[in-house]
Amino acid sequence: MITKLKAAKTIMLLAAIYNIFWGIVISAYPQIILFGNPPTDFLLIILRCVGMLVGVYGIAYYFASKDPVAYWPLILVGFIGKVLGPIGSVYYIWLGKLAPSFFWVNVWNDMIWLLPFGWIIYQAVNKRLSANS
């Protein structure tokens, strides 16, 4: 039987691997998330910076995977980013500044992690993560 602690560690390790991979991809090929919008040099630079930040989040998630109870604030920072990212996207889609298809970036990079991160934060804050549970 898998424990809550082992599940939390596994989730955070998967998040770390995913974010490091996605950060590298966006840093190297930022145009893949533009969905046909013409890229400007400035936009490509900004997206490469976003890629670096995503990769850095991955490093933080790696440390959080070692001890989710101790590092729950790192998970909380990631959770907040995963809430704010889709909100910002919806806003700019509504303004017509982003193509509606851009929202898929949020689905795969933010929204799929909300429930697992929220569960880990809840468990950690309430000290319900343990090897025996």
Protein backbone atom coordinates (compact mmCIF):
# COMPACT_ATOMS: atom_id res chain seq x y z
CA MET A 1 0.00 0.00 0.00
CA ILE A 2 1.32 3.41 -0.96
CA THR A 3 1.52 5.91 1.88
CA LYS A 4 0.41 9.52 1.66
CA LEU A 5 4.01 10.61 2.11
CA LYS A 6 5.24 8.38 -0.72
CA ALA A 7 2.42 9.64 -2.96
CA ALA A 8 3.32 13.26 -2.19
CA LYS A 9 7.00 12.63 -2.87
CA THR A 10 6.17 10.92 -6.17
CA ILE A 11 3.86 13.75 -7.27
CA MET A 12 6.51 16.35 -6.54
CA LEU A 13 9.23 14.35 -8.30
CA LEU A 14 7.00 14.06 -11.38
CA ALA A 15 6.31 17.80 -11.19
CA ALA A 16 10.05 18.44 -10.96
CA ILE A 17 10.86 16.32 -14.00
CA TYR A 18 7.98 17.80 -15.99
CA ASN A 19 8.86 21.41 -15.15
CA ILE A 20 12.56 20.99 -15.88
CA PHE A 21 11.72 19.34 -19.21
CA TRP A 22 9.09 21.95 -20.14
CA GLY A 23 11.40 24.78 -19.05
CA ILE A 24 14.14 23.51 -21.35
CA VAL A 25 11.69 23.11 -24.25
CA ILE A 26 10.25 26.63 -23.86
CA SER A 27 13.70 28.15 -23.44
CA ALA A 28 14.94 26.44 -26.61
CA TYR A 29 11.75 26.67 -28.74
CA PRO A 30 9.53 29.42 -27.35
CA GLN A 31 7.58 29.75 -30.58
CA ILE A 32 5.82 26.40 -30.02
CA ILE A 33 3.34 27.97 -27.61
CA LEU A 34 2.45 30.93 -29.82
CA PHE A 35 -0.11 28.94 -31.84
CA GLY A 36 0.37 30.89 -35.03
CA ASN A 37 0.76 34.33 -33.49
CA PRO A 38 3.70 36.09 -35.14
CA PRO A 39 6.62 36.17 -32.72
CA THR A 40 8.55 39.34 -32.06
CA ASP A 41 12.10 39.19 -30.79
CA PHE A 42 10.95 40.69 -27.50
CA LEU A 43 8.22 38.06 -27.07
CA LEU A 44 10.67 35.26 -27.76
CA ILE A 45 13.05 36.70 -25.15
CA ILE A 46 10.23 36.90 -22.58
CA LEU A 47 9.13 33.34 -23.31
CA ARG A 48 12.70 32.12 -22.91
CA CYS A 49 12.77 33.84 -19.51
CA VAL A 50 9.51 32.12 -18.63
CA GLY A 51 11.11 28.84 -19.64
CA MET A 52 14.00 29.51 -17.26
CA LEU A 53 11.55 30.26 -14.43
CA VAL A 54 9.60 27.09 -15.14
CA GLY A 55 12.84 25.11 -14.98
CA VAL A 56 13.78 26.76 -11.69
CA TYR A 57 10.37 25.79 -10.30
CA GLY A 58 11.31 22.24 -11.29
CA ILE A 59 14.43 22.44 -9.14
CA ALA A 60 12.33 23.67 -6.20
CA TYR A 61 9.87 20.81 -6.76
CA TYR A 62 12.77 18.36 -6.71
CA PHE A 63 13.76 19.56 -3.22
CA ALA A 64 10.10 19.49 -2.18
CA SER A 65 9.93 15.86 -3.34
CA LYS A 66 12.52 14.94 -0.71
CA ASP A 67 10.43 16.31 2.18
CA PRO A 68 7.00 17.71 1.24
CA VAL A 69 6.19 18.53 4.86
CA ALA A 70 9.27 20.70 5.36
CA TYR A 71 9.11 22.27 1.89
CA TRP A 72 5.36 22.84 1.66
CA PRO A 73 5.93 26.62 1.19
CA LEU A 74 7.73 25.85 -2.11
CA ILE A 75 4.72 23.80 -3.17
CA LEU A 76 2.44 26.68 -2.15
CA VAL A 77 4.39 29.11 -4.34
CA GLY A 78 3.98 26.70 -7.25
CA PHE A 79 0.28 26.31 -6.47
CA ILE A 80 -0.24 30.08 -6.51
CA GLY A 81 1.53 30.31 -9.87
CA LYS A 82 -0.66 27.53 -11.21
CA VAL A 83 -3.76 29.46 -10.12
CA LEU A 84 -2.59 32.83 -11.45
CA GLY A 85 -1.35 31.52 -14.82
CA PRO A 86 -4.78 30.43 -16.07
CA ILE A 87 -6.39 33.60 -14.68
CA GLY A 88 -3.93 35.72 -16.64
CA SER A 89 -4.45 33.65 -19.77
CA VAL A 90 -8.23 33.94 -19.60
CA TYR A 91 -7.88 37.70 -19.18
CA TYR A 92 -5.63 38.09 -22.21
CA ILE A 93 -7.72 35.68 -24.28
CA TRP A 94 -10.77 37.78 -23.37
CA LEU A 95 -8.92 40.93 -24.48
CA GLY A 96 -8.02 39.23 -27.75
CA LYS A 97 -4.27 39.40 -27.03
CA LEU A 98 -3.90 35.60 -26.90
CA ALA A 99 -5.46 32.97 -29.13
CA PRO A 100 -8.04 30.83 -27.29
CA SER A 101 -5.92 27.78 -28.12
CA PHE A 102 -3.24 29.20 -25.80
CA PHE A 103 -5.35 28.03 -22.87
CA TRP A 104 -4.16 24.48 -23.56
CA VAL A 105 -0.76 25.60 -22.26
CA ASN A 106 -2.45 26.27 -18.91
CA VAL A 107 -4.34 23.00 -18.93
CA TRP A 108 -1.18 20.94 -19.33
CA ASN A 109 1.20 23.08 -17.29
CA ASP A 110 -0.96 24.47 -14.51
CA MET A 111 -4.42 23.03 -14.07
CA ILE A 112 -3.43 19.37 -13.99
CA TRP A 113 -1.23 20.11 -10.96
CA LEU A 114 -3.75 22.13 -8.93
CA LEU A 115 -5.49 19.22 -7.22
CA PRO A 116 -2.31 17.24 -6.42
CA PHE A 117 -0.48 20.33 -5.12
CA GLY A 118 -3.51 21.43 -3.12
CA TRP A 119 -3.80 17.96 -1.58
CA ILE A 120 -0.11 17.93 -0.60
CA ILE A 121 -0.31 21.42 0.92
CA TYR A 122 -3.41 20.48 2.89
CA GLN A 123 -1.84 17.24 4.13
CA ALA A 124 1.47 18.89 5.00
CA VAL A 125 -0.01 21.87 6.81
CA ASN A 126 -2.21 19.55 8.84
CA LYS A 127 0.77 17.19 9.38
CA ARG A 128 -1.14 14.30 7.86
CA LEU A 129 1.73 13.16 5.65
CA SER A 130 3.61 10.36 7.27
CA ALA A 131 5.18 7.09 6.40
CA ASN A 132 2.52 5.31 8.48
CA SER A 133 -0.64 6.84 7.00
